[in-house]
N, C-alpha and C. Protein backbone atom coordinates (compact mmCIF):
# COMPACT_ATOMS: atom_id res chain seq x y z
N MET A 1 52.99 52.48 52.01
CA MET A 1 52.67 53.53 52.05
C MET A 1 51.19 52.72 53.09
N ALA A 2 50.81 53.27 54.42
CA ALA A 2 49.78 52.83 55.01
C ALA A 2 48.45 53.60 54.44
N MET A 3 47.18 52.80 54.04
CA MET A 3 46.40 53.72 53.72
C MET A 3 45.45 54.00 55.02
N LYS A 4 44.98 55.29 54.64
CA LYS A 4 44.24 55.89 55.78
C LYS A 4 42.90 55.66 55.06
N GLU A 5 41.80 55.73 56.04
CA GLU A 5 40.53 55.88 55.65
C GLU A 5 39.87 56.27 54.41
N THR A 6 40.59 58.00 54.25
CA THR A 6 40.26 58.74 52.84
C THR A 6 40.61 57.93 51.74
N ASP A 7 41.94 57.05 51.64
CA ASP A 7 42.18 56.12 50.44
C ASP A 7 41.39 55.53 49.85
N HIS A 8 40.40 55.01 50.61
CA HIS A 8 39.24 53.85 50.02
C HIS A 8 37.64 54.53 50.32
N GLY A 9 37.46 55.86 50.53
CA GLY A 9 36.20 55.74 50.97
C GLY A 9 35.87 57.25 51.93
N PRO A 10 34.77 58.08 52.24
CA PRO A 10 34.82 58.62 52.82
C PRO A 10 35.09 58.58 54.31
N LEU A 11 35.22 59.41 55.19
CA LEU A 11 36.12 58.94 56.71
C LEU A 11 34.96 59.37 57.39
N LEU A 12 34.78 57.90 57.76
CA LEU A 12 33.56 57.80 58.72
C LEU A 12 33.92 58.45 60.32
N ILE A 13 32.85 59.76 60.69
CA ILE A 13 33.35 60.19 61.80
C ILE A 13 31.62 60.18 62.62
N THR A 14 32.14 59.88 63.65
CA THR A 14 30.67 59.86 64.97
C THR A 14 30.20 61.24 65.07
N PRO A 15 28.96 61.38 65.06
CA PRO A 15 28.62 62.83 65.28
C PRO A 15 28.88 63.19 66.55
N GLU A 16 29.62 62.66 67.54
CA GLU A 16 30.17 63.37 68.81
C GLU A 16 31.70 64.07 68.08
N GLY A 17 32.26 63.47 67.60
CA GLY A 17 34.02 63.49 67.10
C GLY A 17 33.64 64.86 65.68
N TYR A 18 32.59 64.75 65.03
CA TYR A 18 32.17 66.05 64.37
C TYR A 18 31.91 67.33 64.73
N ALA A 19 31.30 67.13 65.54
CA ALA A 19 30.98 68.12 66.63
C ALA A 19 31.95 68.71 67.19
N ALA A 20 32.85 68.23 68.09
CA ALA A 20 33.93 68.59 68.39
C ALA A 20 35.16 68.93 67.17
N MET A 21 34.90 68.50 66.11
CA MET A 21 36.43 69.21 65.17
C MET A 21 35.49 70.44 64.68
N GLN A 22 34.54 70.57 64.37
CA GLN A 22 33.32 71.86 64.24
C GLN A 22 33.81 72.84 65.35
N ARG A 23 33.50 72.59 66.47
CA ARG A 23 33.56 73.28 67.56
C ARG A 23 34.91 74.16 67.81
N GLU A 24 36.03 72.87 67.47
CA GLU A 24 37.72 73.64 67.27
C GLU A 24 37.65 74.69 66.08
N LEU A 25 36.93 73.99 65.01
CA LEU A 25 37.70 75.09 63.82
C LEU A 25 36.73 76.33 64.30
N ASP A 26 35.62 76.25 64.64
CA ASP A 26 35.38 77.73 64.52
C ASP A 26 35.56 78.74 66.01
N GLU A 27 36.62 77.93 66.87
CA GLU A 27 37.31 78.63 67.98
C GLU A 27 38.48 79.15 67.50
N LEU A 28 38.81 78.26 66.39
CA LEU A 28 40.28 78.76 65.75
C LEU A 28 40.14 79.89 65.16
N LEU A 29 38.72 80.16 64.35
CA LEU A 29 38.26 81.07 63.17
C LEU A 29 37.92 82.15 63.71
N THR A 30 37.44 82.05 64.72
CA THR A 30 36.55 83.44 65.52
C THR A 30 37.30 83.82 66.71
N ILE A 31 38.40 82.76 67.25
CA ILE A 31 39.44 83.59 67.96
C ILE A 31 40.60 83.19 68.21
N LYS A 32 40.90 82.37 67.97
CA LYS A 32 42.41 82.38 68.15
C LYS A 32 43.08 82.78 66.79
N ARG A 33 42.84 82.96 65.68
CA ARG A 33 42.94 83.54 64.32
C ARG A 33 43.11 85.27 64.69
N PRO A 34 41.92 85.60 65.11
CA PRO A 34 41.79 87.19 65.15
C PRO A 34 42.90 87.57 66.20
N GLU A 35 42.90 86.73 67.35
CA GLU A 35 43.85 86.90 68.29
C GLU A 35 45.18 87.17 67.91
N ILE A 36 45.98 86.18 66.96
CA ILE A 36 46.95 86.23 66.79
C ILE A 36 47.33 87.42 65.83
N ALA A 37 46.20 87.99 64.61
CA ALA A 37 46.53 88.85 63.61
C ALA A 37 46.57 90.33 64.95
N GLU A 38 45.85 90.14 66.12
CA GLU A 38 45.90 91.22 66.65
C GLU A 38 47.06 92.00 67.09
N ARG A 39 47.65 90.56 67.93
CA ARG A 39 49.00 90.59 68.52
C ARG A 39 50.21 91.28 67.56
N ILE A 40 50.06 90.62 65.98
CA ILE A 40 51.09 91.06 65.17
C ILE A 40 50.68 92.38 64.64
N ARG A 41 49.58 92.87 64.62
CA ARG A 41 49.02 94.42 64.25
C ARG A 41 49.99 95.54 65.47
N GLU A 42 49.67 94.78 66.80
CA GLU A 42 50.02 95.58 67.93
C GLU A 42 51.03 95.96 67.58
N SER A 43 52.10 94.71 67.91
CA SER A 43 53.44 94.70 67.70
C SER A 43 53.86 95.57 66.87
N LEU A 44 53.48 95.50 65.36
CA LEU A 44 54.29 96.40 64.42
C LEU A 44 53.56 97.60 64.18
N SER A 45 52.52 98.25 65.30
CA SER A 45 52.01 99.53 64.99
C SER A 45 53.20 100.46 66.27
N HIS A 46 53.67 99.68 67.02
CA HIS A 46 54.47 99.99 68.10
C HIS A 46 56.21 99.96 68.13
N GLY A 47 56.22 99.09 66.64
CA GLY A 47 57.55 99.23 66.17
C GLY A 47 57.97 98.32 67.17
N GLU A 48 57.71 97.20 67.76
CA GLU A 48 58.34 95.86 68.49
C GLU A 48 59.19 95.11 67.77
N PHE A 49 58.87 94.87 66.96
CA PHE A 49 59.03 93.68 66.08
C PHE A 49 60.68 94.59 65.21
N SER A 50 61.71 93.60 65.19
CA SER A 50 62.60 93.98 64.40
C SER A 50 62.67 92.56 63.74
N GLU A 51 63.88 92.72 62.57
CA GLU A 51 64.22 91.24 62.18
C GLU A 51 64.72 90.11 62.52
N ASP A 52 65.32 90.70 63.64
CA ASP A 52 65.80 89.14 64.69
C ASP A 52 64.83 89.08 65.84
N ASN A 53 63.69 89.72 65.67
CA ASN A 53 63.01 89.32 66.89
C ASN A 53 62.24 88.50 67.11
N SER A 54 63.13 87.96 68.19
CA SER A 54 62.37 86.04 68.57
C SER A 54 60.83 86.70 69.10
N GLU A 55 60.43 87.39 69.31
CA GLU A 55 58.98 87.08 69.47
C GLU A 55 57.89 87.08 68.26
N LEU A 56 58.52 87.76 67.13
CA LEU A 56 57.79 87.66 66.06
C LEU A 56 57.90 86.27 65.63
N ASP A 57 58.89 85.66 65.54
CA ASP A 57 59.34 84.76 65.11
C ASP A 57 58.09 83.26 65.99
N GLU A 58 57.85 83.73 67.13
CA GLU A 58 56.91 82.71 67.40
C GLU A 58 55.70 82.77 67.68
N VAL A 59 55.39 84.62 66.90
CA VAL A 59 53.95 84.28 66.87
C VAL A 59 53.68 83.84 65.50
N LYS A 60 54.65 84.31 65.03
CA LYS A 60 54.67 83.58 63.29
C LYS A 60 54.63 82.09 63.06
N ARG A 61 55.05 81.55 63.89
CA ARG A 61 55.24 79.86 64.11
C ARG A 61 53.67 79.78 64.66
N GLU A 62 53.21 80.12 65.60
CA GLU A 62 51.82 79.57 66.23
C GLU A 62 50.49 80.20 65.29
N GLN A 63 50.92 81.51 64.48
CA GLN A 63 50.06 81.42 63.44
C GLN A 63 50.23 80.20 62.12
N ALA A 64 51.31 80.01 61.84
CA ALA A 64 51.36 79.07 61.16
C ALA A 64 50.63 77.52 61.48
N MET A 65 50.75 77.42 63.22
CA MET A 65 50.38 75.71 63.44
C MET A 65 48.88 76.36 63.70
N VAL A 66 48.29 77.43 63.59
CA VAL A 66 46.94 77.28 63.58
C VAL A 66 46.45 77.32 62.31
N GLU A 67 47.24 78.09 61.39
CA GLU A 67 46.32 77.71 59.96
C GLU A 67 46.69 76.72 59.47
N THR A 68 47.51 75.82 59.99
CA THR A 68 47.62 74.39 59.34
C THR A 68 46.77 73.38 60.11
N ARG A 69 46.34 73.86 61.08
CA ARG A 69 45.29 73.03 61.88
C ARG A 69 44.18 73.48 61.28
N ILE A 70 43.67 74.68 61.13
CA ILE A 70 42.12 75.19 59.99
C ILE A 70 42.25 74.39 59.08
N GLY A 71 43.43 74.38 58.38
CA GLY A 71 43.21 73.48 57.05
C GLY A 71 42.66 71.98 57.42
N THR A 72 43.42 71.54 57.96
CA THR A 72 43.25 69.69 58.70
C THR A 72 42.09 69.50 58.71
N LEU A 73 41.44 70.52 59.79
CA LEU A 73 40.25 70.11 60.44
C LEU A 73 38.73 70.92 59.12
N LYS A 74 39.19 71.45 58.16
CA LYS A 74 38.51 72.00 57.36
C LYS A 74 38.61 70.64 56.26
N ALA A 75 39.49 70.47 55.75
CA ALA A 75 39.56 69.18 54.84
C ALA A 75 38.81 67.85 55.27
N THR A 76 39.25 67.61 56.50
CA THR A 76 38.78 66.76 57.48
C THR A 76 37.09 66.29 57.12
N LEU A 77 36.40 67.45 57.79
CA LEU A 77 34.93 68.21 57.89
C LEU A 77 34.16 67.73 56.68
N ALA A 78 35.18 68.07 55.17
CA ALA A 78 34.48 68.51 54.09
C ALA A 78 34.92 66.50 53.78
N ASN A 79 35.63 66.05 53.98
CA ASN A 79 35.36 64.28 53.30
C ASN A 79 34.76 63.51 54.38
N ALA A 80 34.46 63.92 55.53
CA ALA A 80 34.03 63.25 56.33
C ALA A 80 32.60 63.09 56.13
N GLN A 81 31.91 61.59 56.59
CA GLN A 81 30.94 61.46 56.52
C GLN A 81 30.05 60.69 58.14
N ILE A 82 29.26 61.20 58.55
CA ILE A 82 28.94 61.07 59.73
C ILE A 82 28.15 59.84 60.01
N ILE A 83 28.61 59.34 60.67
CA ILE A 83 27.92 57.68 61.03
C ILE A 83 26.39 57.79 61.89
N ASP A 84 25.47 56.93 61.17
CA ASP A 84 24.27 57.32 61.79
C ASP A 84 24.22 56.22 63.25
N PRO A 85 24.05 56.72 64.25
CA PRO A 85 24.55 56.05 65.35
C PRO A 85 23.52 54.80 65.70
N ASP A 86 22.50 54.76 64.74
CA ASP A 86 21.26 53.43 64.70
C ASP A 86 21.87 52.66 63.52
N ALA A 87 23.17 53.01 62.85
CA ALA A 87 23.38 52.15 62.10
C ALA A 87 24.52 51.12 62.33
N ILE A 88 25.11 51.69 63.61
CA ILE A 88 26.42 50.74 63.83
C ILE A 88 25.93 49.72 64.63
N PRO A 89 26.73 48.83 63.82
CA PRO A 89 26.55 47.78 63.98
C PRO A 89 26.62 46.87 65.60
N THR A 90 25.79 45.92 65.61
CA THR A 90 26.06 45.17 67.37
C THR A 90 26.45 44.04 67.17
N ASP A 91 26.45 43.11 66.15
CA ASP A 91 26.61 41.80 66.43
C ASP A 91 28.03 41.72 65.61
N ARG A 92 28.90 42.80 65.54
CA ARG A 92 30.74 42.96 65.02
C ARG A 92 30.68 44.43 65.39
N VAL A 93 32.26 44.44 65.75
CA VAL A 93 32.71 45.51 65.84
C VAL A 93 32.90 46.32 64.89
N GLY A 94 32.32 47.48 64.58
CA GLY A 94 32.78 48.73 63.15
C GLY A 94 32.63 49.80 63.74
N PRO A 95 33.27 50.77 62.45
CA PRO A 95 33.41 52.38 63.13
C PRO A 95 31.59 52.78 64.01
N GLY A 96 32.38 52.95 65.24
CA GLY A 96 31.36 53.86 66.27
C GLY A 96 31.21 53.01 67.10
N SER A 97 31.71 51.66 67.28
CA SER A 97 30.91 50.89 68.15
C SER A 97 31.55 50.61 69.71
N PHE A 98 30.95 50.56 70.58
CA PHE A 98 31.37 51.22 72.07
C PHE A 98 31.53 49.61 72.35
N VAL A 99 32.97 48.85 72.87
CA VAL A 99 33.08 47.29 72.72
C VAL A 99 33.88 47.45 74.22
N GLU A 100 33.31 46.14 74.90
CA GLU A 100 34.03 45.42 76.17
C GLU A 100 34.78 44.61 76.00
N LEU A 101 35.96 44.73 76.29
CA LEU A 101 37.30 44.00 76.02
C LEU A 101 37.55 43.20 77.17
N GLU A 102 38.11 42.33 77.35
CA GLU A 102 38.75 41.29 78.58
C GLU A 102 40.46 41.06 78.08
N ASP A 103 41.20 41.43 78.76
CA ASP A 103 42.96 41.29 78.53
C ASP A 103 42.79 39.75 78.89
N GLU A 104 42.91 38.66 77.84
CA GLU A 104 43.36 37.64 77.90
C GLU A 104 44.68 36.96 79.30
N GLU A 105 45.50 37.95 78.98
CA GLU A 105 46.82 37.43 79.93
C GLU A 105 46.18 38.07 81.45
N PHE A 106 45.84 39.43 81.51
CA PHE A 106 45.70 39.62 82.97
C PHE A 106 44.27 39.45 83.46
N GLY A 107 43.66 39.19 82.42
CA GLY A 107 41.84 39.33 83.52
C GLY A 107 41.31 40.84 83.11
N ASP A 108 42.07 41.68 83.29
CA ASP A 108 41.44 43.52 83.07
C ASP A 108 40.50 43.13 82.12
N VAL A 109 38.95 44.16 82.66
CA VAL A 109 37.90 44.37 81.67
C VAL A 109 38.14 45.94 81.51
N PHE A 110 37.91 46.48 79.83
CA PHE A 110 37.63 47.77 79.74
C PHE A 110 37.03 47.86 78.76
N ARG A 111 36.84 49.43 78.25
CA ARG A 111 35.52 49.71 77.15
C ARG A 111 36.42 50.87 76.20
N VAL A 112 36.19 50.87 75.04
CA VAL A 112 37.01 51.57 74.34
C VAL A 112 35.66 51.49 72.91
N ARG A 113 36.24 52.57 72.16
CA ARG A 113 34.70 53.04 71.18
C ARG A 113 35.79 53.17 69.86
N LEU A 114 35.57 52.52 68.70
CA LEU A 114 36.34 52.16 67.47
C LEU A 114 35.67 53.37 66.60
N VAL A 115 36.92 54.37 66.14
CA VAL A 115 36.69 55.37 66.02
C VAL A 115 37.85 55.96 64.86
N SER A 116 37.58 56.99 63.88
CA SER A 116 38.79 57.04 62.79
C SER A 116 39.88 57.40 63.24
N SER A 117 40.84 57.69 62.52
CA SER A 117 41.99 58.12 62.78
C SER A 117 42.31 59.71 63.50
N ALA A 118 41.11 60.49 62.76
CA ALA A 118 40.98 61.78 62.79
C ALA A 118 40.34 62.18 64.56
N GLU A 119 39.20 61.39 65.29
CA GLU A 119 38.69 61.67 66.21
C GLU A 119 39.58 60.50 67.51
N ALA A 120 40.57 59.64 67.18
CA ALA A 120 40.87 58.73 68.54
C ALA A 120 41.24 59.78 69.11
N ASP A 121 41.79 59.22 70.41
CA ASP A 121 42.15 59.78 71.39
C ASP A 121 41.79 59.07 72.63
N PRO A 122 43.12 57.93 72.98
CA PRO A 122 43.50 56.70 73.94
C PRO A 122 42.85 57.54 75.39
N ASN A 123 43.16 58.47 75.65
CA ASN A 123 42.96 58.94 77.00
C ASN A 123 41.75 59.12 77.03
N GLN A 124 40.48 58.89 76.15
CA GLN A 124 39.06 59.24 76.37
C GLN A 124 38.74 58.04 75.90
N ASP A 125 39.55 56.89 75.70
CA ASP A 125 39.12 55.30 75.26
C ASP A 125 38.37 55.69 73.71
N LEU A 126 39.22 56.22 72.98
CA LEU A 126 38.55 56.44 71.67
C LEU A 126 39.55 55.60 70.70
N ILE A 127 39.70 54.51 70.18
CA ILE A 127 40.69 54.10 69.73
C ILE A 127 40.52 54.16 68.28
N SER A 128 41.67 54.15 67.50
CA SER A 128 41.55 54.54 65.91
C SER A 128 41.64 52.99 65.71
N GLN A 129 40.89 52.76 64.21
CA GLN A 129 40.60 51.54 63.65
C GLN A 129 41.82 51.24 62.80
N GLU A 130 42.87 51.97 62.68
CA GLU A 130 43.81 52.05 62.41
C GLU A 130 45.00 51.41 63.49
N SER A 131 44.96 51.65 64.39
CA SER A 131 45.78 51.39 65.41
C SER A 131 45.46 49.59 65.63
N PRO A 132 47.04 49.43 66.15
CA PRO A 132 47.13 47.87 66.28
C PRO A 132 45.95 46.98 67.03
N LEU A 133 45.09 47.89 68.01
CA LEU A 133 43.88 47.14 68.84
C LEU A 133 42.81 47.22 68.14
N GLY A 134 42.66 49.04 67.19
CA GLY A 134 41.60 48.97 66.42
C GLY A 134 41.62 47.72 65.21
N ALA A 135 42.73 47.67 64.79
CA ALA A 135 42.24 46.86 63.48
C ALA A 135 42.24 45.39 64.03
N ALA A 136 42.84 45.19 65.03
CA ALA A 136 42.41 43.70 65.40
C ALA A 136 40.94 43.19 65.95
N ILE A 137 40.59 44.07 66.39
CA ILE A 137 38.89 43.89 66.95
C ILE A 137 37.97 44.33 65.67
N ALA A 138 38.75 45.19 65.16
CA ALA A 138 37.39 45.55 63.65
C ALA A 138 36.76 44.36 62.99
N GLY A 139 35.68 43.95 62.87
CA GLY A 139 35.05 42.90 62.60
C GLY A 139 34.86 41.80 63.28
N LYS A 140 35.15 41.88 64.59
CA LYS A 140 35.24 40.73 65.11
C LYS A 140 33.56 40.74 65.93
N SER A 141 33.19 39.62 66.67
CA SER A 141 31.94 39.53 67.35
C SER A 141 32.24 39.10 68.63
N ALA A 142 31.23 39.58 69.80
CA ALA A 142 31.28 38.95 71.01
C ALA A 142 31.74 37.64 71.20
N GLY A 143 32.95 37.08 71.92
CA GLY A 143 33.31 36.05 71.94
C GLY A 143 34.35 35.48 71.33
N ASP A 144 34.66 36.31 70.16
CA ASP A 144 36.27 36.03 69.38
C ASP A 144 37.32 36.92 70.25
N ILE A 145 38.20 36.12 69.71
CA ILE A 145 39.65 36.97 70.31
C ILE A 145 40.24 37.70 69.07
N ALA A 146 40.79 38.73 69.59
CA ALA A 146 41.49 39.59 68.98
C ALA A 146 43.11 39.36 69.53
N GLU A 147 43.94 39.37 68.20
CA GLU A 147 45.19 39.23 68.76
C GLU A 147 46.06 40.16 67.80
N PHE A 148 47.38 40.93 68.20
CA PHE A 148 48.06 41.78 67.79
C PHE A 148 49.06 41.68 68.13
N ASP A 149 50.27 41.92 67.51
CA ASP A 149 51.88 41.99 68.07
C ASP A 149 52.29 43.05 68.40
N THR A 150 52.87 43.32 69.75
CA THR A 150 53.47 44.37 70.52
C THR A 150 54.98 44.51 70.65
N PRO A 151 55.74 45.35 70.67
CA PRO A 151 56.92 45.27 71.02
C PRO A 151 57.04 43.97 72.57
N ASP A 152 56.35 43.60 73.34
CA ASP A 152 56.25 43.11 74.43
C ASP A 152 55.97 41.84 73.94
N GLY A 153 55.47 41.21 72.83
CA GLY A 153 54.95 40.21 72.23
C GLY A 153 53.48 40.21 72.15
N LYS A 154 52.76 39.05 71.83
CA LYS A 154 51.33 39.00 71.11
C LYS A 154 50.60 39.53 72.58
N LYS A 155 49.62 40.07 72.02
CA LYS A 155 48.59 40.25 73.05
C LYS A 155 47.09 40.24 72.40
N ARG A 156 46.24 39.56 73.21
CA ARG A 156 44.94 38.71 73.05
C ARG A 156 43.87 39.44 73.85
N PHE A 157 42.78 40.03 73.69
CA PHE A 157 41.98 40.48 74.02
C PHE A 157 40.34 39.56 73.88
N LYS A 158 39.69 39.37 74.63
CA LYS A 158 38.25 38.79 74.21
C LYS A 158 37.00 39.90 74.13
N VAL A 159 36.36 39.81 73.14
CA VAL A 159 35.47 40.76 73.02
C VAL A 159 33.93 40.15 73.66
N LEU A 160 34.28 40.88 74.86
CA LEU A 160 32.51 40.62 75.49
C LEU A 160 31.54 41.12 75.10
N ARG A 161 31.53 42.64 74.52
CA ARG A 161 30.02 42.96 74.42
C ARG A 161 30.45 43.92 73.09
N ILE A 162 29.57 44.52 72.41
CA ILE A 162 29.18 45.04 71.46
C ILE A 162 27.94 46.45 71.22
N ASP A 163 28.28 47.50 71.56
CA ASP A 163 26.91 48.27 71.07
C ASP A 163 27.11 49.35 70.54
N ARG A 164 26.17 49.90 70.04
CA ARG A 164 25.95 51.53 69.06
C ARG A 164 25.91 52.43 70.50
N ARG A 165 25.74 52.18 71.69
CA ARG A 165 25.47 53.04 72.78
C ARG A 165 26.38 52.91 73.59
N PRO A 166 26.82 54.06 74.84
CA PRO A 166 28.12 53.62 75.59
C PRO A 166 27.46 52.48 76.47
N LEU A 167 28.43 51.46 76.77
CA LEU A 167 28.70 50.53 77.67
C LEU A 167 28.60 51.19 79.07
N LEU A 168 27.86 50.77 79.63
CA LEU A 168 28.03 50.70 81.48
C LEU A 168 27.99 49.81 82.49
């Protein structure tokens, strides 16, 4: 079984990631949960739901997903330790680091931020430290080569720069 950050200590989360999760939780608790409850109440008061009503099943599935997400967010936030931006290392890649990488095969240069799996979003260049790329760059210094295996073969990336602030 793969270890998660919480298996060996607190879940390190960036201030931005913590704030985003808190906003999502607040929205689910104050907007989404009451909306679902109201939809169920209105339908029941109008007698629209019968035992074989697929609309009721759909609302109940949505309610279950919202409640599951609320539970996940509460647990994540309760176990989170917010990373102090000034404590993010710049001599090596660590949680919260902004990293500029160069693809050794193609020469492409790109930037990522190493984050916990709870706040990872590859579309926003937020790379989980548990991902193959994240695990490969963790602990590396500028000039080091990070390698990992993919279905297409071994990938190699050179660490160009590391900072605690976004790289421009």
